[in-house]
Amino acid sequence: MLHLGGIDSEDIALYNKIRIHRNEIVHDMAPFLTRSRKMLDASLMLGTVSLHAKIEKWWFSFFEV
């Protein structure tokens, strides 16, 4: 999809940040639950929604229409 114009290198970098943060949450949950060291990054969660919406719009315009 990268070479078809659906996503760009910034989107891939955002996806990698989201994936790393998700893995931290899932595999090392205790610091997030105790609020002692780590906090959830809400901007990355919103980035997930915007990235999904971008891909959905691209999919609809290139394949569904």
Protein backbone atom coordinates (compact mmCIF):
# COMPACT_ATOMS: atom_id res chain seq x y z
CA MET A 1 0.00 0.00 0.00
CA LEU A 2 2.98 2.29 0.49
CA HIS A 3 3.78 2.44 -3.21
CA LEU A 4 0.07 2.91 -4.06
CA GLY A 5 -0.24 6.12 -2.04
CA GLY A 6 -2.32 4.78 0.83
CA ILE A 7 0.20 5.40 3.57
CA ASP A 8 3.56 7.12 3.73
CA SER A 9 6.74 6.74 5.75
CA GLU A 10 5.34 8.95 8.54
CA ASP A 11 2.36 6.60 8.87
CA ILE A 12 4.69 3.62 9.12
CA ALA A 13 6.73 5.40 11.80
CA LEU A 14 3.51 6.13 13.70
CA TYR A 15 2.45 2.50 13.38
CA ASN A 16 5.80 1.35 14.79
CA LYS A 17 5.46 3.72 17.78
CA ILE A 18 1.92 2.44 18.39
CA ARG A 19 3.09 -1.18 18.17
CA ILE A 20 5.95 -0.61 20.61
CA HIS A 21 3.68 1.18 23.10
CA ARG A 22 1.04 -1.54 22.78
CA ASN A 23 3.64 -4.22 23.47
CA GLU A 24 4.85 -2.32 26.54
CA ILE A 25 1.30 -2.15 27.86
CA VAL A 26 0.52 -5.80 27.24
CA HIS A 27 3.81 -7.41 28.25
CA ASP A 28 4.78 -5.12 31.14
CA MET A 29 1.45 -4.00 32.56
CA ALA A 30 2.40 -3.52 36.22
CA PRO A 31 4.06 -0.08 35.84
CA PHE A 32 0.98 1.18 34.00
CA LEU A 33 -1.38 -0.11 36.68
CA THR A 34 0.56 1.25 39.64
CA ARG A 35 1.02 4.66 37.99
CA SER A 36 4.48 4.79 39.45
CA ARG A 37 6.61 4.92 36.31
CA LYS A 38 4.62 4.83 33.09
CA MET A 39 1.52 6.46 31.67
CA LEU A 40 -0.56 5.58 28.66
CA ASP A 41 0.18 7.74 25.64
CA ALA A 42 -3.26 8.90 24.56
CA SER A 43 -1.88 10.58 21.44
CA LEU A 44 -0.78 7.18 20.15
CA MET A 45 -4.24 5.77 20.81
CA LEU A 46 -5.74 8.63 18.79
CA GLY A 47 -3.10 7.97 16.14
CA THR A 48 -4.47 4.44 15.84
CA VAL A 49 -7.90 5.81 15.02
CA SER A 50 -6.61 8.32 12.48
CA LEU A 51 -4.38 5.74 10.79
CA HIS A 52 -7.26 3.28 10.56
CA ALA A 53 -9.53 5.97 9.10
CA LYS A 54 -6.89 6.90 6.51
CA ILE A 55 -6.53 3.28 5.40
CA GLU A 56 -10.32 2.80 5.28
CA LYS A 57 -10.76 5.88 3.08
CA TRP A 58 -7.97 4.71 0.78
CA TRP A 59 -9.47 1.21 0.57
CA PHE A 60 -12.92 2.56 -0.25
CA SER A 61 -11.70 4.95 -2.93
CA PHE A 62 -9.46 2.40 -4.69
CA PHE A 63 -11.26 -0.90 -4.27
CA GLU A 64 -14.88 -0.37 -3.31
CA VAL A 65 -15.74 2.26 -5.90
